Protein backbone atom coordinates (compact mmCIF):
# COMPACT_ATOMS: atom_id res chain seq x y z
CA MET A 1 15.50 -10.78 -18.24
CA LEU A 2 12.81 -10.53 -15.59
CA ASN A 3 14.69 -10.03 -12.31
CA PHE A 4 13.11 -8.71 -9.10
CA THR A 5 12.39 -9.55 -5.47
CA ALA A 6 8.81 -9.60 -4.20
CA ILE A 7 8.15 -8.85 -0.52
CA ASP A 8 5.19 -8.76 1.81
CA PHE A 9 5.26 -7.49 5.41
CA GLU A 10 2.96 -8.21 8.31
CA THR A 11 2.95 -5.87 11.30
CA ALA A 12 2.42 -6.42 15.00
CA ASN A 13 0.21 -3.38 15.49
CA SER A 14 -1.30 -0.41 13.67
CA TYR A 15 2.04 1.41 13.55
CA TRP A 16 3.66 0.66 10.20
CA GLY A 17 7.11 0.41 11.73
CA SER A 18 6.26 -2.77 13.67
CA PRO A 19 7.23 -5.60 11.30
CA CYS A 20 6.84 -9.10 12.69
CA ALA A 21 7.25 -11.07 9.45
CA VAL A 22 8.22 -10.61 5.82
CA GLY A 23 7.79 -12.95 2.89
CA VAL A 24 10.55 -12.82 0.28
CA VAL A 25 10.44 -14.30 -3.24
CA LYS A 26 13.43 -13.76 -5.52
CA VAL A 27 12.92 -14.09 -9.27
CA SER A 28 15.84 -14.41 -11.67
CA ASN A 29 15.36 -14.64 -15.44
CA GLY A 30 11.64 -15.12 -14.91
CA THR A 31 12.08 -18.08 -12.52
CA VAL A 32 11.67 -18.24 -8.74
CA VAL A 33 15.12 -19.03 -7.35
CA HIS A 34 14.57 -18.40 -3.63
CA GLN A 35 11.62 -17.94 -1.29
CA GLN A 36 11.25 -17.76 2.46
CA ALA A 37 9.34 -16.20 5.34
CA ILE A 38 11.41 -14.33 7.92
CA TYR A 39 9.91 -13.75 11.35
CA MET A 40 11.16 -11.03 13.66
CA ARG A 41 10.48 -8.90 16.69
CA PRO A 42 9.57 -5.30 15.92
CA PRO A 43 11.80 -2.41 17.05
CA GLU A 44 11.82 -2.16 20.84
CA ALA A 45 9.75 1.02 20.86
CA ARG A 46 6.99 -0.70 18.86
CA ASP A 47 7.21 -4.20 20.27
CA TYR A 48 3.61 -5.02 21.12
CA PHE A 49 0.90 -7.01 19.36
CA GLU A 50 -2.62 -5.72 18.86
CA PRO A 51 -5.46 -8.27 18.69
CA ARG A 52 -6.71 -6.87 15.38
CA ASN A 53 -3.37 -7.48 13.66
CA THR A 54 -3.01 -10.98 15.11
CA ALA A 55 -6.55 -11.76 13.95
CA ILE A 56 -5.51 -10.82 10.40
CA HIS A 57 -2.24 -12.71 10.07
CA GLY A 58 -2.25 -15.13 13.03
CA ILE A 59 1.21 -14.17 14.30
CA THR A 60 1.57 -13.76 18.07
CA ALA A 61 4.20 -12.29 20.37
CA ASP A 62 5.02 -15.77 21.67
CA GLN A 63 5.77 -17.01 18.16
CA VAL A 64 8.47 -14.40 17.62
CA ALA A 65 9.75 -14.18 21.20
CA ASP A 66 13.08 -15.73 20.23
CA ALA A 67 13.30 -14.17 16.77
CA PRO A 68 15.86 -11.47 15.91
CA ARG A 69 14.94 -7.79 15.95
CA TRP A 70 14.22 -5.78 12.82
CA ARG A 71 17.65 -4.16 12.89
CA GLN A 72 19.21 -7.64 12.87
CA VAL A 73 16.97 -8.92 10.07
CA LEU A 74 17.43 -5.93 7.75
CA PRO A 75 21.01 -6.74 6.59
CA ASP A 76 19.98 -10.30 5.65
CA LEU A 77 16.91 -9.00 3.85
CA LEU A 78 19.03 -6.53 1.87
CA ASP A 79 21.47 -9.33 0.98
CA LEU A 80 18.55 -11.33 -0.43
CA ILE A 81 17.30 -8.37 -2.45
CA GLY A 82 20.76 -7.49 -3.75
CA ASP A 83 20.52 -5.18 -6.77
CA ASP A 84 16.95 -6.21 -7.56
CA LEU A 85 14.03 -3.89 -7.90
CA VAL A 86 11.49 -4.67 -5.15
CA VAL A 87 7.89 -5.56 -5.98
CA ALA A 88 4.90 -5.63 -3.61
CA HIS A 89 1.12 -5.38 -3.77
CA ASN A 90 0.28 -2.00 -2.27
CA ALA A 91 3.99 -1.24 -2.13
CA SER A 92 3.45 2.07 -0.33
CA PHE A 93 2.62 0.00 2.75
CA ASP A 94 5.52 -2.44 2.52
CA THR A 95 8.09 0.26 1.77
CA GLY A 96 6.46 2.32 4.53
CA VAL A 97 7.14 -0.53 6.94
CA VAL A 98 10.83 -0.38 6.01
CA ARG A 99 10.99 3.41 6.42
CA HIS A 100 9.10 3.58 9.71
CA ALA A 101 10.88 0.59 11.25
CA CYS A 102 14.24 2.14 10.40
CA ASP A 103 13.06 5.43 11.90
CA ALA A 104 11.95 3.61 15.07
CA ASP A 105 15.40 2.01 15.37
CA GLN A 106 17.14 5.24 14.36
CA ILE A 107 19.04 3.54 11.55
CA GLU A 108 19.53 4.47 7.91
CA THR A 109 16.71 3.62 5.50
CA PRO A 110 18.11 1.53 2.63
CA ASN A 111 18.00 2.85 -0.92
CA LEU A 112 15.50 0.71 -2.80
CA GLU A 113 13.59 1.07 -6.07
CA PHE A 114 10.18 -0.58 -6.23
CA LEU A 115 7.08 -1.28 -8.28
CA CYS A 116 3.55 -1.78 -7.02
CA THR A 117 1.41 -4.55 -8.51
CA LEU A 118 -1.71 -2.76 -7.24
CA VAL A 119 -0.90 0.36 -9.27
CA MET A 120 0.10 -1.67 -12.34
CA ALA A 121 -3.01 -3.84 -12.13
CA ARG A 122 -5.26 -0.79 -11.94
CA HIS A 123 -3.82 0.46 -15.20
CA THR A 124 -3.73 -2.89 -16.97
CA LEU A 125 -6.80 -4.81 -15.80
CA ASP A 126 -10.51 -3.99 -15.66
CA LEU A 127 -11.62 -5.60 -12.42
CA PRO A 128 -14.39 -4.98 -9.88
CA ALA A 129 -11.75 -4.89 -7.10
CA TYR A 130 -7.96 -4.88 -6.94
CA ARG A 131 -7.19 -6.62 -3.66
CA LEU A 132 -4.39 -9.15 -3.93
CA PRO A 133 -6.70 -12.21 -4.17
CA HIS A 134 -8.80 -10.54 -6.90
CA VAL A 135 -5.80 -9.64 -9.04
CA ALA A 136 -4.18 -13.05 -8.56
CA ALA A 137 -7.40 -14.83 -9.57
CA ALA A 138 -7.86 -12.62 -12.64
CA LEU A 139 -4.37 -13.51 -13.86
CA GLY A 140 -4.58 -17.20 -13.01
CA VAL A 141 -2.01 -16.94 -10.22
CA THR A 142 -2.39 -19.59 -7.52
CA MET A 143 -2.53 -18.00 -4.09
CA GLY A 144 -2.18 -19.47 -0.62
CA ALA A 145 -3.69 -18.08 2.57
CA HIS A 146 -4.12 -14.31 2.33
CA HIS A 147 -1.98 -12.42 4.90
CA ASP A 148 0.48 -15.27 5.17
CA PRO A 149 3.64 -13.28 4.37
CA LEU A 150 5.19 -15.87 2.06
CA ALA A 151 1.91 -16.65 0.29
CA ASP A 152 1.30 -12.96 -0.37
CA ALA A 153 4.87 -12.44 -1.61
CA GLN A 154 4.47 -15.45 -3.90
CA ALA A 155 1.24 -13.97 -5.25
CA ALA A 156 2.89 -10.60 -5.86
CA ALA A 157 5.71 -12.34 -7.72
CA GLY A 158 3.24 -14.37 -9.76
CA ILE A 159 1.22 -11.27 -10.64
CA THR A 160 4.36 -9.46 -11.77
CA MET A 161 5.37 -12.35 -14.05
CA ALA A 162 1.81 -12.71 -15.36
CA LEU A 163 1.57 -8.98 -16.14
CA ALA A 164 4.93 -9.11 -17.92
CA HIS A 165 3.71 -12.03 -20.02
CA ARG A 166 0.40 -10.28 -20.70
CA VAL A 167 2.02 -7.14 -22.10
CA GLY A 168 4.87 -9.03 -23.77
CA VAL A 169 7.94 -7.73 -21.94
CA SER A 170 10.90 -9.43 -20.29
CA THR A 171 12.27 -6.79 -17.89
CA VAL A 172 10.78 -4.92 -14.95
CA ASN A 173 11.77 -1.59 -16.54
CA ASP A 174 9.80 -2.45 -19.67
CA LEU A 175 6.91 -3.63 -17.51
CA ALA A 176 6.83 -0.28 -15.72
CA SER A 177 6.82 1.53 -19.09
CA CYS A 178 4.04 -0.63 -20.55
CA CYS A 179 1.94 -0.22 -17.41
CA GLN A 180 2.66 3.53 -17.55
CA VAL A 181 3.94 3.82 -14.00
CA HIS A 182 6.91 5.54 -12.42
CA LYS A 183 9.15 3.34 -10.31
CA GLY A 184 9.12 4.31 -6.64
CA ARG A 185 12.18 4.84 -4.50
CA ILE A 186 12.98 5.07 -0.80
CA GLY A 187 16.07 6.12 1.12
CA THR A 188 16.97 8.01 4.26
CA GLY A 189 14.84 11.17 4.25
CA PHE A 190 13.45 10.33 0.80
CA TYR A 191 10.28 8.76 -0.56
CA ARG A 192 8.81 8.69 -4.05
CA GLY A 193 5.82 6.47 -4.63
CA CYS A 194 5.16 4.13 -7.53
CA THR A 195 2.61 6.22 -9.40
CA ARG A 196 0.84 6.31 -12.72
CA ILE A 197 2.33 8.40 -15.51
CA HIS A 198 -0.45 10.87 -16.18
CA THR A 199 -0.97 11.84 -19.80
CA SER A 200 -4.45 13.33 -19.61
CA SER A 201 -4.82 17.08 -19.20
CA ARG A 202 -7.09 16.32 -16.25
CA SER A 203 -4.42 14.47 -14.33
CA TYR A 204 -2.79 15.89 -11.23
CA ALA A 205 0.70 15.64 -12.67
CA ALA A 206 -0.27 17.66 -15.72
CA GLU A 207 -2.31 20.32 -13.93
CA GLY A 208 -0.48 20.47 -10.63
CA THR A 209 -3.79 20.66 -8.75
CA PRO A 210 -6.40 18.10 -7.79
CA GLY A 211 -9.08 17.21 -10.29
CA ASN A 212 -12.67 18.11 -9.53
CA PRO A 213 -14.97 15.37 -10.83
CA LYS A 214 -18.60 16.40 -10.89
CA ASP A 215 -20.39 13.06 -10.78
CA ILE A 216 -20.03 11.02 -7.61
CA PRO A 217 -20.30 7.27 -8.35
CA ALA A 218 -22.89 5.34 -6.38
CA PRO A 219 -21.68 2.59 -4.03
CA ASN A 220 -21.62 -0.90 -5.51
CA PRO A 221 -24.63 -2.75 -4.02
CA ASP A 222 -22.88 -6.09 -4.61
CA ALA A 223 -19.67 -5.15 -2.77
CA ASP A 224 -18.38 -7.41 0.00
CA PRO A 225 -20.02 -6.28 3.28
CA ALA A 226 -16.90 -7.48 5.12
CA GLY A 227 -14.69 -5.09 3.14
CA ALA A 228 -12.70 -2.43 5.01
CA LEU A 229 -14.53 0.46 3.30
CA PHE A 230 -18.01 -1.00 2.84
CA GLY A 231 -20.74 1.39 3.98
CA LEU A 232 -18.29 4.08 5.11
CA SER A 233 -18.63 7.71 4.05
CA ILE A 234 -15.36 9.03 2.58
CA VAL A 235 -14.11 12.52 1.70
CA PHE A 236 -10.90 13.42 -0.15
CA SER A 237 -8.80 16.50 0.56
CA SER A 238 -6.01 17.37 -1.91
CA GLY A 239 -4.86 15.23 -4.83
CA LEU A 240 -3.36 11.77 -4.62
CA ASP A 241 -0.03 10.71 -6.14
CA SER A 242 -1.11 7.18 -6.99
CA MET A 243 -4.31 7.88 -8.93
CA THR A 244 -6.67 10.60 -10.10
CA ARG A 245 -9.56 11.59 -7.87
CA GLU A 246 -11.94 9.98 -10.37
CA ASP A 247 -10.08 6.69 -10.01
CA ALA A 248 -10.03 7.00 -6.23
CA TRP A 249 -13.77 7.64 -6.11
CA ARG A 250 -14.41 4.74 -8.47
CA ALA A 251 -12.24 2.39 -6.41
CA CYS A 252 -14.04 3.33 -3.19
CA ALA A 253 -17.48 3.01 -4.79
CA GLU A 254 -16.57 -0.45 -6.10
CA LEU A 255 -15.91 -1.49 -2.49
CA GLY A 256 -19.28 -0.17 -1.34
CA ALA A 257 -18.12 3.16 0.13
CA ILE A 258 -20.25 6.30 0.07
CA LEU A 259 -18.46 9.28 -1.47
CA GLN A 260 -18.94 12.82 -0.17
CA LYS A 261 -17.54 16.13 -1.40
CA GLY A 262 -17.40 17.76 2.03
CA VAL A 263 -16.88 16.73 5.64
CA THR A 264 -20.13 16.31 7.55
CA LYS A 265 -21.35 14.58 10.70
CA ALA A 266 -21.86 11.50 8.52
CA THR A 267 -18.22 11.31 7.39
CA ASN A 268 -16.22 8.29 8.55
CA ILE A 269 -12.87 8.81 6.75
CA LEU A 270 -11.08 11.88 5.44
CA VAL A 271 -8.22 11.05 3.05
CA VAL A 272 -5.57 13.78 2.92
CA GLY A 273 -3.36 13.56 -0.15
CA GLY A 274 -0.13 15.37 -0.93
CA ALA A 275 2.17 15.54 2.08
CA GLY A 276 -0.49 13.91 4.25
CA PRO A 277 -2.38 14.95 7.38
CA ALA A 278 -1.09 17.97 9.27
CA TYR A 279 -0.76 15.95 12.49
CA LEU A 280 2.08 14.07 10.79
CA ARG A 281 3.82 17.35 9.95
CA PRO A 282 4.45 19.43 13.09
CA GLY A 283 4.00 23.15 12.56
CA ILE A 284 1.78 22.75 9.49
CA LYS A 285 -1.72 24.22 9.66
CA PRO A 286 -4.42 21.74 8.58
CA HIS A 287 -6.54 22.49 5.51
CA SER A 288 -10.20 23.41 5.98
CA LYS A 289 -11.56 19.88 5.54
CA GLU A 290 -8.99 18.45 7.92
CA ALA A 291 -9.63 21.20 10.47
CA LYS A 292 -13.35 20.45 10.36
CA ALA A 293 -12.69 16.71 10.73
CA LEU A 294 -10.48 17.33 13.77
CA THR A 295 -13.16 19.53 15.30
CA LEU A 296 -15.72 16.76 14.83
CA GLN A 297 -13.26 14.27 16.34
CA GLN A 298 -12.94 16.44 19.43
CA ALA A 299 -16.73 16.59 19.66
CA GLY A 300 -16.84 12.79 19.81
CA GLN A 301 -17.46 11.84 16.18
CA ASP A 302 -15.82 8.62 15.00
CA ILE A 303 -13.96 10.04 11.99
CA ARG A 304 -10.49 8.95 10.84
CA VAL A 305 -8.02 11.25 9.11
CA VAL A 306 -5.61 9.20 6.99
CA GLY A 307 -2.83 9.85 4.50
CA GLU A 308 -2.45 8.29 1.07
CA ASP A 309 -0.37 5.34 2.29
CA GLU A 310 -3.02 4.22 4.75
CA PHE A 311 -5.79 4.83 2.20
CA LEU A 312 -4.05 2.53 -0.30
CA ARG A 313 -3.72 -0.11 2.40
CA LEU A 314 -7.46 0.13 3.08
CA LEU A 315 -8.16 -0.29 -0.64
CA ALA A 316 -6.07 -3.44 -0.76
CA SER A 317 -7.23 -4.97 2.53
C-alpha cells in the first residue's frame, strides 16, 4: 500500500543547515495517520535568523527560543519516519537541510531514501510552473499557507497520493517507476538525488556529458514578476542530475528568466551542475565559466554562483 512520510523544512537563514521548523505528515495505506509541525533551534553554529527568511515563513528567534536544538529533534523525527520513504517538494533542499544540519552539529547523517514531488510532477504534468502551489492546484490538492511547514508537508503528501491515483499505482516504488525517476538517498558522506531516468540518447545519463541545445527559449512574458528568477539572466555550466539542459532552460524561461550561453556582464546567476561550484570543493579549480563569474564578482558585478540544489530551490520558490 501507499506508505511514506512527507516533510517540509523552513530555515532560519540562507545556510541550509539552519532548520527552525519541519512539517511532518505520515501516510499509511494511503491515509494520513499523523501530522505535526516541529519547531526547533538551529545548530549552535548557525543559530541566527535573517530577515529575508523570517519574511518568507514568519518564524522568529523569539518563537523558538525555548525549543529543542536540531540534534535533540532529529531522533524524534526519525522515529516518526520509521522505515518510510521520505517525500518532499524540491527534496534536494529538504534532504540538504538534514545533511548540512548534521554536519553543523558534527553528528551522523541518517540513512534515508526519498522521492521528490517536483521531479515527479515535471515528468507527469504539463504545467506553466511547478512550484508547490501550482502543482497542488493542478491536482486538486487543498493547500494552506505556503511556507507554513505543516501546510507544505500536507500539500506534498496530497500531491504524492494524487499522482499515485493519477497513474494507477498503490506503492511509492511503483509511483517512482511510473514517473520514471530514481529514488534519492542520503547518509553520512553520501548523497544521491531523486532524478529522472533518462531514456533519450540526448540525456546526460546516456551520453555522460551535458546536452547542447541550440535554441534558447524566450522568457515567458506572462510570468509572475514577483518570482525568484523573473528578469534574471542565467547561464548553466555542466550538466544537471535532475533534468536535461533543455528542461532546465524551459523551466527558467517559464518563470521569466533570460537564458544565456556564456557568462557576460549581464549575467545574474551561474548554475554549476555536477559536483557543484568549486568554492564548495577546496582544491578544485573552477571551470572557465565559473572562473569568469568569480572574476566579475571581484570586479563588483552582482552575480551569484549556485549549485544544483540551490537552483532547484529557486525554481520551486
